[in-house]
């Protein structure tokens, strides 16, 4: 990821309804790592908007992969943001 892309992801981030608000970057994260986390959340949020009536029954592998990504993201959020995201 180049610095222009990193800056663009961070500047254009908007919290997604139903997702944790990651607007404030923890001090322990680099800009690059922070942008990667935001990118992952943006990706999952976009996929979440798609109708799951197709994915679940007809593409179980992709559904499972998205579920795994969401679980990884949640672990990352709790590691770096802790309980602050629950407020």
PDB file of N, CA and C in Angstrom:
ATOM      1  N   UNK A   1       0.843  -1.173   0.000  1.00  0.00           N
ATOM      2  CA  UNK A   1       0.000   0.000   0.000  1.00  0.00           C
ATOM      3  C   UNK A   1       0.894   1.243   0.000  1.00  0.00           C
ATOM      4  N   UNK A   2       0.632   2.129  -0.903  1.00  0.00           N
ATOM      5  CA  UNK A   2       1.430   3.356  -0.997  1.00  0.00           C
ATOM      6  C   UNK A   2       0.812   4.443  -0.126  1.00  0.00           C
ATOM      7  N   UNK A   3       1.610   5.450   0.206  1.00  0.00           N
ATOM      8  CA  UNK A   3       1.151   6.482   1.142  1.00  0.00           C
ATOM      9  C   UNK A   3      -0.075   7.241   0.631  1.00  0.00           C
ATOM     10  N   UNK A   4      -0.180   7.419  -0.669  1.00  0.00           N
ATOM     11  CA  UNK A   4      -1.347   8.105  -1.234  1.00  0.00           C
ATOM     12  C   UNK A   4      -2.620   7.289  -0.974  1.00  0.00           C
ATOM     13  N   UNK A   5      -2.528   5.983  -1.174  1.00  0.00           N
ATOM     14  CA  UNK A   5      -3.660   5.092  -0.927  1.00  0.00           C
ATOM     15  C   UNK A   5      -3.996   5.036   0.571  1.00  0.00           C
ATOM     16  N   UNK A   6      -2.967   4.983   1.398  1.00  0.00           N
ATOM     17  CA  UNK A   6      -3.157   4.967   2.854  1.00  0.00           C
ATOM     18  C   UNK A   6      -3.915   6.217   3.295  1.00  0.00           C
ATOM     19  N   UNK A   7      -3.437   7.369   2.844  1.00  0.00           N
ATOM     20  CA  UNK A   7      -4.082   8.636   3.208  1.00  0.00           C
ATOM     21  C   UNK A   7      -5.519   8.705   2.719  1.00  0.00           C
ATOM     22  N   UNK A   8      -5.765   8.211   1.513  1.00  0.00           N
ATOM     23  CA  UNK A   8      -7.109   8.233   0.947  1.00  0.00           C
ATOM     24  C   UNK A   8      -8.070   7.376   1.772  1.00  0.00           C
ATOM     25  N   UNK A   9      -7.630   6.187   2.168  1.00  0.00           N
ATOM     26  CA  UNK A   9      -8.485   5.300   2.968  1.00  0.00           C
ATOM     27  C   UNK A   9      -8.818   5.951   4.304  1.00  0.00           C
ATOM     28  N   UNK A  10      -7.815   6.527   4.948  1.00  0.00           N
ATOM     29  CA  UNK A  10      -8.025   7.147   6.260  1.00  0.00           C
ATOM     30  C   UNK A  10      -8.916   8.382   6.144  1.00  0.00           C
ATOM     31  N   UNK A  11      -8.660   9.231   5.164  1.00  0.00           N
ATOM     32  CA  UNK A  11      -9.437  10.465   5.007  1.00  0.00           C
ATOM     33  C   UNK A  11     -10.889  10.205   4.626  1.00  0.00           C
ATOM     34  N   UNK A  12     -11.132   9.148   3.874  1.00  0.00           N
ATOM     35  CA  UNK A  12     -12.481   8.868   3.390  1.00  0.00           C
ATOM     36  C   UNK A  12     -13.272   7.911   4.275  1.00  0.00           C
ATOM     37  N   UNK A  13     -12.688   7.495   5.380  1.00  0.00           N
ATOM     38  CA  UNK A  13     -13.396   6.556   6.257  1.00  0.00           C
ATOM     39  C   UNK A  13     -14.603   7.220   6.901  1.00  0.00           C
ATOM     40  N   UNK A  14     -15.717   6.504   6.851  1.00  0.00           N
ATOM     41  CA  UNK A  14     -16.935   6.907   7.545  1.00  0.00           C
ATOM     42  C   UNK A  14     -17.443   5.664   8.262  1.00  0.00           C
ATOM     43  N   UNK A  15     -17.884   5.812   9.516  1.00  0.00           N
ATOM     44  CA  UNK A  15     -18.402   4.647  10.241  1.00  0.00           C
ATOM     45  C   UNK A  15     -19.600   4.034   9.502  1.00  0.00           C
ATOM     46  N   UNK A  16     -19.685   2.728   9.567  1.00  0.00           N
ATOM     47  CA  UNK A  16     -20.772   1.995   8.917  1.00  0.00           C
ATOM     48  C   UNK A  16     -21.826   1.631   9.957  1.00  0.00           C
ATOM     49  N   UNK A  17     -23.099   1.790   9.624  1.00  0.00           N
ATOM     50  CA  UNK A  17     -24.153   1.385  10.560  1.00  0.00           C
ATOM     51  C   UNK A  17     -24.018  -0.101  10.913  1.00  0.00           C
ATOM     52  N   UNK A  18     -24.067  -0.394  12.191  1.00  0.00           N
ATOM     53  CA  UNK A  18     -23.962  -1.780  12.642  1.00  0.00           C
ATOM     54  C   UNK A  18     -22.538  -2.259  12.842  1.00  0.00           C
ATOM     55  N   UNK A  19     -21.559  -1.404  12.571  1.00  0.00           N
ATOM     56  CA  UNK A  19     -20.151  -1.750  12.743  1.00  0.00           C
ATOM     57  C   UNK A  19     -19.533  -0.821  13.783  1.00  0.00           C
ATOM     58  N   UNK A  20     -18.407  -1.243  14.352  1.00  0.00           N
ATOM     59  CA  UNK A  20     -17.694  -0.401  15.302  1.00  0.00           C
ATOM     60  C   UNK A  20     -17.154   0.844  14.601  1.00  0.00           C
ATOM     61  N   UNK A  21     -17.183   1.969  15.300  1.00  0.00           N
ATOM     62  CA  UNK A  21     -16.640   3.222  14.775  1.00  0.00           C
ATOM     63  C   UNK A  21     -15.134   3.237  15.015  1.00  0.00           C
ATOM     64  N   UNK A  22     -14.374   3.208  13.949  1.00  0.00           N
ATOM     65  CA  UNK A  22     -12.909   3.162  14.038  1.00  0.00           C
ATOM     66  C   UNK A  22     -12.281   4.499  13.638  1.00  0.00           C
ATOM     67  N   UNK A  23     -13.022   5.583  13.835  1.00  0.00           N
ATOM     68  CA  UNK A  23     -12.566   6.903  13.412  1.00  0.00           C
ATOM     69  C   UNK A  23     -11.285   7.356  14.105  1.00  0.00           C
ATOM     70  N   UNK A  24     -11.108   6.966  15.348  1.00  0.00           N
ATOM     71  CA  UNK A  24      -9.909   7.394  16.074  1.00  0.00           C
ATOM     72  C   UNK A  24      -8.847   6.305  16.027  1.00  0.00           C
ATOM     73  N   UNK A  25      -7.689   6.667  15.514  1.00  0.00           N
ATOM     74  CA  UNK A  25      -6.573   5.724  15.381  1.00  0.00           C
ATOM     75  C   UNK A  25      -5.865   5.564  16.721  1.00  0.00           C
ATOM     76  N   UNK A  26      -5.721   4.325  17.197  1.00  0.00           N
ATOM     77  CA  UNK A  26      -4.919   4.105  18.405  1.00  0.00           C
ATOM     78  C   UNK A  26      -3.464   4.497  18.156  1.00  0.00           C
ATOM     79  N   UNK A  27      -2.819   5.019  19.177  1.00  0.00           N
ATOM     80  CA  UNK A  27      -1.434   5.496  19.037  1.00  0.00           C
ATOM     81  C   UNK A  27      -0.465   4.387  18.653  1.00  0.00           C
ATOM     82  N   UNK A  28      -0.777   3.157  19.034  1.00  0.00           N
ATOM     83  CA  UNK A  28       0.146   2.046  18.790  1.00  0.00           C
ATOM     84  C   UNK A  28       0.128   1.550  17.337  1.00  0.00           C
ATOM     85  N   UNK A  29      -0.812   2.027  16.526  1.00  0.00           N
ATOM     86  CA  UNK A  29      -0.902   1.592  15.131  1.00  0.00           C
ATOM     87  C   UNK A  29      -0.171   2.544  14.199  1.00  0.00           C
ATOM     88  N   UNK A  30       0.477   1.973  13.216  1.00  0.00           N
ATOM     89  CA  UNK A  30       1.064   2.801  12.160  1.00  0.00           C
ATOM     90  C   UNK A  30      -0.064   3.233  11.225  1.00  0.00           C
ATOM     91  N   UNK A  31       0.190   4.225  10.437  1.00  0.00           N
ATOM     92  CA  UNK A  31      -0.801   4.688   9.465  1.00  0.00           C
ATOM     93  C   UNK A  31      -1.170   3.549   8.506  1.00  0.00           C
ATOM     94  N   UNK A  32      -0.174   2.786   8.086  1.00  0.00           N
ATOM     95  CA  UNK A  32      -0.407   1.702   7.144  1.00  0.00           C
ATOM     96  C   UNK A  32      -1.304   0.619   7.762  1.00  0.00           C
ATOM     97  N   UNK A  33      -0.991   0.192   8.977  1.00  0.00           N
ATOM     98  CA  UNK A  33      -1.789  -0.847   9.639  1.00  0.00           C
ATOM     99  C   UNK A  33      -3.209  -0.342   9.880  1.00  0.00           C
ATOM    100  N   UNK A  34      -3.350   0.907  10.287  1.00  0.00           N
ATOM    101  CA  UNK A  34      -4.661   1.506  10.507  1.00  0.00           C
ATOM    102  C   UNK A  34      -5.472   1.506   9.208  1.00  0.00           C
ATOM    103  N   UNK A  35      -4.854   1.896   8.111  1.00  0.00           N
ATOM    104  CA  UNK A  35      -5.535   1.911   6.813  1.00  0.00           C
ATOM    105  C   UNK A  35      -5.943   0.501   6.400  1.00  0.00           C
ATOM    106  N   UNK A  36      -5.111  -0.486   6.674  1.00  0.00           N
ATOM    107  CA  UNK A  36      -5.453  -1.868   6.335  1.00  0.00           C
ATOM    108  C   UNK A  36      -6.687  -2.332   7.113  1.00  0.00           C
ATOM    109  N   UNK A  37      -6.769  -1.951   8.378  1.00  0.00           N
ATOM    110  CA  UNK A  37      -7.921  -2.322   9.199  1.00  0.00           C
ATOM    111  C   UNK A  37      -9.176  -1.631   8.680  1.00  0.00           C
ATOM    112  N   UNK A  38      -9.065  -0.344   8.367  1.00  0.00           N
ATOM    113  CA  UNK A  38     -10.219   0.382   7.816  1.00  0.00           C
ATOM    114  C   UNK A  38     -10.660  -0.223   6.489  1.00  0.00           C
ATOM    115  N   UNK A  39      -9.691  -0.576   5.649  1.00  0.00           N
ATOM    116  CA  UNK A  39      -9.988  -1.184   4.361  1.00  0.00           C
ATOM    117  C   UNK A  39     -10.747  -2.496   4.548  1.00  0.00           C
ATOM    118  N   UNK A  40     -10.303  -3.299   5.505  1.00  0.00           N
ATOM    119  CA  UNK A  40     -10.963  -4.573   5.785  1.00  0.00           C
ATOM    120  C   UNK A  40     -12.396  -4.347   6.251  1.00  0.00           C
ATOM    121  N   UNK A  41     -12.591  -3.381   7.150  1.00  0.00           N
ATOM    122  CA  UNK A  41     -13.949  -3.097   7.602  1.00  0.00           C
ATOM    123  C   UNK A  41     -14.812  -2.596   6.443  1.00  0.00           C
ATOM    124  N   UNK A  42     -14.273  -1.721   5.619  1.00  0.00           N
ATOM    125  CA  UNK A  42     -15.022  -1.217   4.462  1.00  0.00           C
ATOM    126  C   UNK A  42     -15.429  -2.367   3.530  1.00  0.00           C
ATOM    127  N   UNK A  43     -14.511  -3.285   3.305  1.00  0.00           N
ATOM    128  CA  UNK A  43     -14.791  -4.431   2.440  1.00  0.00           C
ATOM    129  C   UNK A  43     -15.917  -5.284   3.016  1.00  0.00           C
ATOM    130  N   UNK A  44     -15.811  -5.606   4.301  1.00  0.00           N
ATOM    131  CA  UNK A  44     -16.832  -6.441   4.939  1.00  0.00           C
ATOM    132  C   UNK A  44     -18.182  -5.718   4.947  1.00  0.00           C
ATOM    133  N   UNK A  45     -18.175  -4.420   5.204  1.00  0.00           N
ATOM    134  CA  UNK A  45     -19.424  -3.649   5.220  1.00  0.00           C
ATOM    135  C   UNK A  45     -20.079  -3.659   3.837  1.00  0.00           C
ATOM    136  N   UNK A  46     -19.282  -3.524   2.789  1.00  0.00           N
ATOM    137  CA  UNK A  46     -19.829  -3.562   1.428  1.00  0.00           C
ATOM    138  C   UNK A  46     -20.399  -4.937   1.104  1.00  0.00           C
ATOM    139  N   UNK A  47     -19.686  -5.970   1.485  1.00  0.00           N
ATOM    140  CA  UNK A  47     -20.176  -7.327   1.245  1.00  0.00           C
ATOM    141  C   UNK A  47     -21.448  -7.595   2.046  1.00  0.00           C
ATOM    142  N   UNK A  48     -21.527  -6.988   3.224  1.00  0.00           N
ATOM    143  CA  UNK A  48     -22.694  -7.163   4.085  1.00  0.00           C
ATOM    144  C   UNK A  48     -23.956  -6.563   3.459  1.00  0.00           C
ATOM    145  N   UNK A  49     -23.776  -5.543   2.622  1.00  0.00           N
ATOM    146  CA  UNK A  49     -24.916  -4.906   1.960  1.00  0.00           C
ATOM    147  C   UNK A  49     -25.530  -5.811   0.896  1.00  0.00           C
ATOM    148  N   UNK A  50     -24.727  -6.720   0.367  1.00  0.00           N
ATOM    149  CA  UNK A  50     -25.222  -7.620  -0.670  1.00  0.00           C
ATOM    150  C   UNK A  50     -26.176  -8.624  -0.045  1.00  0.00           C
ATOM    151  N   UNK A  51     -27.051  -9.118  -0.833  1.00  0.00           N
ATOM    152  CA  UNK A  51     -28.041 -10.068  -0.336  1.00  0.00           C
ATOM    153  C   UNK A  51     -27.370 -11.399   0.013  1.00  0.00           C
ATOM    154  N   UNK A  52     -27.555 -11.838   1.260  1.00  0.00           N
ATOM    155  CA  UNK A  52     -26.948 -13.101   1.678  1.00  0.00           C
ATOM    156  C   UNK A  52     -27.808 -14.306   1.309  1.00  0.00           C
ATOM    157  N   UNK A  53     -29.005 -14.059   0.753  1.00  0.00           N
ATOM    158  CA  UNK A  53     -29.845 -15.184   0.349  1.00  0.00           C
ATOM    159  C   UNK A  53     -29.180 -16.015  -0.741  1.00  0.00           C
ATOM    160  N   UNK A  54     -28.242 -15.403  -1.464  1.00  0.00           N
ATOM    161  CA  UNK A  54     -27.523 -16.149  -2.486  1.00  0.00           C
ATOM    162  C   UNK A  54     -26.276 -16.805  -1.912  1.00  0.00           C
ATOM    163  N   UNK A  55     -25.507 -16.063  -1.137  1.00  0.00           N
ATOM    164  CA  UNK A  55     -24.234 -16.584  -0.645  1.00  0.00           C
ATOM    165  C   UNK A  55     -24.392 -17.809   0.239  1.00  0.00           C
ATOM    166  N   UNK A  56     -25.280 -17.723   1.212  1.00  0.00           N
ATOM    167  CA  UNK A  56     -25.407 -18.837   2.159  1.00  0.00           C
ATOM    168  C   UNK A  56     -25.685 -20.172   1.480  1.00  0.00           C
ATOM    169  N   UNK A  57     -26.750 -20.272   0.692  1.00  0.00           N
ATOM    170  CA  UNK A  57     -27.036 -21.594   0.120  1.00  0.00           C
ATOM    171  C   UNK A  57     -26.213 -21.968  -1.114  1.00  0.00           C
ATOM    172  N   UNK A  58     -25.791 -20.984  -1.896  1.00  0.00           N
ATOM    173  CA  UNK A  58     -25.176 -21.301  -3.184  1.00  0.00           C
ATOM    174  C   UNK A  58     -23.661 -21.111  -3.235  1.00  0.00           C
ATOM    175  N   UNK A  59     -23.116 -20.393  -2.283  1.00  0.00           N
ATOM    176  CA  UNK A  59     -21.665 -20.207  -2.265  1.00  0.00           C
ATOM    177  C   UNK A  59     -21.187 -20.265  -0.818  1.00  0.00           C
ATOM    178  N   UNK A  60     -21.333 -21.420  -0.237  1.00  0.00           N
ATOM    179  CA  UNK A  60     -21.004 -21.626   1.182  1.00  0.00           C
ATOM    180  C   UNK A  60     -19.547 -21.280   1.467  1.00  0.00           C
ATOM    181  N   UNK A  61     -18.659 -21.600   0.548  1.00  0.00           N
ATOM    182  CA  UNK A  61     -17.234 -21.315   0.752  1.00  0.00           C
ATOM    183  C   UNK A  61     -16.991 -19.812   0.930  1.00  0.00           C
ATOM    184  N   UNK A  62     -17.583 -18.995   0.071  1.00  0.00           N
ATOM    185  CA  UNK A  62     -17.413 -17.546   0.173  1.00  0.00           C
ATOM    186  C   UNK A  62     -18.060 -17.011   1.444  1.00  0.00           C
ATOM    187  N   UNK A  63     -19.231 -17.536   1.784  1.00  0.00           N
ATOM    188  CA  UNK A  63     -19.903 -17.138   3.024  1.00  0.00           C
ATOM    189  C   UNK A  63     -19.019 -17.434   4.232  1.00  0.00           C
ATOM    190  N   UNK A  64     -18.411 -18.619   4.269  1.00  0.00           N
ATOM    191  CA  UNK A  64     -17.524 -18.997   5.371  1.00  0.00           C
ATOM    192  C   UNK A  64     -16.290 -18.102   5.422  1.00  0.00           C
ATOM    193  N   UNK A  65     -15.756 -17.769   4.266  1.00  0.00           N
ATOM    194  CA  UNK A  65     -14.573 -16.895   4.203  1.00  0.00           C
ATOM    195  C   UNK A  65     -14.901 -15.500   4.748  1.00  0.00           C
ATOM    196  N   UNK A  66     -16.043 -14.956   4.367  1.00  0.00           N
ATOM    197  CA  UNK A  66     -16.456 -13.651   4.879  1.00  0.00           C
ATOM    198  C   UNK A  66     -16.692 -13.700   6.386  1.00  0.00           C
ATOM    199  N   UNK A  67     -17.259 -14.785   6.858  1.00  0.00           N
ATOM    200  CA  UNK A  67     -17.473 -14.946   8.304  1.00  0.00           C
ATOM    201  C   UNK A  67     -16.143 -14.982   9.044  1.00  0.00           C
ATOM    202  N   UNK A  68     -15.165 -15.681   8.478  1.00  0.00           N
ATOM    203  CA  UNK A  68     -13.831 -15.735   9.090  1.00  0.00           C
ATOM    204  C   UNK A  68     -13.178 -14.358   9.112  1.00  0.00           C
ATOM    205  N   UNK A  69     -13.306 -13.607   8.012  1.00  0.00           N
ATOM    206  CA  UNK A  69     -12.749 -12.247   7.954  1.00  0.00           C
ATOM    207  C   UNK A  69     -13.390 -11.343   9.002  1.00  0.00           C
ATOM    208  N   UNK A  70     -14.692 -11.463   9.171  1.00  0.00           N
ATOM    209  CA  UNK A  70     -15.397 -10.655  10.167  1.00  0.00           C
ATOM    210  C   UNK A  70     -14.920 -11.003  11.578  1.00  0.00           C
ATOM    211  N   UNK A  71     -14.693 -12.272  11.837  1.00  0.00           N
ATOM    212  CA  UNK A  71     -14.192 -12.697  13.151  1.00  0.00           C
ATOM    213  C   UNK A  71     -12.777 -12.166  13.390  1.00  0.00           C
ATOM    214  N   UNK A  72     -11.938 -12.212  12.361  1.00  0.00           N
ATOM    215  CA  UNK A  72     -10.576 -11.669  12.474  1.00  0.00           C
ATOM    216  C   UNK A  72     -10.618 -10.167  12.750  1.00  0.00           C
ATOM    217  N   UNK A  73     -11.491  -9.466  12.032  1.00  0.00           N
ATOM    218  CA  UNK A  73     -11.612  -8.022  12.233  1.00  0.00           C
ATOM    219  C   UNK A  73     -12.044  -7.717  13.659  1.00  0.00           C
ATOM    220  N   UNK A  74     -12.984  -8.472  14.171  1.00  0.00           N
ATOM    221  CA  UNK A  74     -13.449  -8.234  15.539  1.00  0.00           C
ATOM    222  C   UNK A  74     -12.310  -8.428  16.542  1.00  0.00           C
ATOM    223  N   UNK A  75     -11.499  -9.445  16.351  1.00  0.00           N
ATOM    224  CA  UNK A  75     -10.354  -9.670  17.239  1.00  0.00           C
ATOM    225  C   UNK A  75      -9.361  -8.510  17.156  1.00  0.00           C
ATOM    226  N   UNK A  76      -9.108  -8.038  15.948  1.00  0.00           N
ATOM    227  CA  UNK A  76      -8.197  -6.900  15.755  1.00  0.00           C
ATOM    228  C   UNK A  76      -8.741  -5.667  16.465  1.00  0.00           C
ATOM    229  N   UNK A  77     -10.033  -5.410  16.318  1.00  0.00           N
ATOM    230  CA  UNK A  77     -10.650  -4.238  16.944  1.00  0.00           C
ATOM    231  C   UNK A  77     -10.528  -4.302  18.452  1.00  0.00           C
ATOM    232  N   UNK A  78     -10.829  -5.446  19.037  1.00  0.00           N
ATOM    233  CA  UNK A  78     -10.721  -5.559  20.498  1.00  0.00           C
ATOM    234  C   UNK A  78      -9.269  -5.463  20.959  1.00  0.00           C
ATOM    235  N   UNK A  79      -8.327  -5.926  20.139  1.00  0.00           N
ATOM    236  CA  UNK A  79      -6.913  -5.846  20.508  1.00  0.00           C
ATOM    237  C   UNK A  79      -6.440  -4.388  20.551  1.00  0.00           C
ATOM    238  N   UNK A  80      -6.822  -3.600  19.557  1.00  0.00           N
ATOM    239  CA  UNK A  80      -6.290  -2.237  19.447  1.00  0.00           C
ATOM    240  C   UNK A  80      -7.212  -1.159  20.037  1.00  0.00           C
ATOM    241  N   UNK A  81      -8.497  -1.356  19.986  1.00  0.00           N
ATOM    242  CA  UNK A  81      -9.434  -0.343  20.485  1.00  0.00           C
ATOM    243  C   UNK A  81     -10.000  -0.699  21.858  1.00  0.00           C
ATOM    244  N   UNK A  82      -9.935  -1.971  22.216  1.00  0.00           N
ATOM    245  CA  UNK A  82     -10.431  -2.418  23.512  1.00  0.00           C
ATOM    246  C   UNK A  82     -11.906  -2.094  23.720  1.00  0.00           C
ATOM    247  N   UNK A  83     -12.258  -1.802  24.937  1.00  0.00           N
ATOM    248  CA  UNK A  83     -13.652  -1.546  25.276  1.00  0.00           C
ATOM    249  C   UNK A  83     -14.139  -0.179  24.804  1.00  0.00           C
ATOM    250  N   UNK A  84     -13.253   0.652  24.313  1.00  0.00           N
ATOM    251  CA  UNK A  84     -13.658   1.994  23.866  1.00  0.00           C
ATOM    252  C   UNK A  84     -14.664   1.935  22.720  1.00  0.00           C
ATOM    253  N   UNK A  85     -14.671   0.862  21.932  1.00  0.00           N
ATOM    254  CA  UNK A  85     -15.613   0.750  20.818  1.00  0.00           C
ATOM    255  C   UNK A  85     -17.018   0.394  21.287  1.00  0.00           C
ATOM    256  N   UNK A  86     -17.139  -0.027  22.522  1.00  0.00           N
ATOM    257  CA  UNK A  86     -18.448  -0.434  23.045  1.00  0.00           C
ATOM    258  C   UNK A  86     -19.239   0.732  23.625  1.00  0.00           C
ATOM    259  N   UNK A  87     -18.618   1.881  23.722  1.00  0.00           N
ATOM    260  CA  UNK A  87     -19.284   3.043  24.325  1.00  0.00           C
ATOM    261  C   UNK A  87     -20.152   3.766  23.331  1.00  0.00           C
TER     262      UNK A  87
END
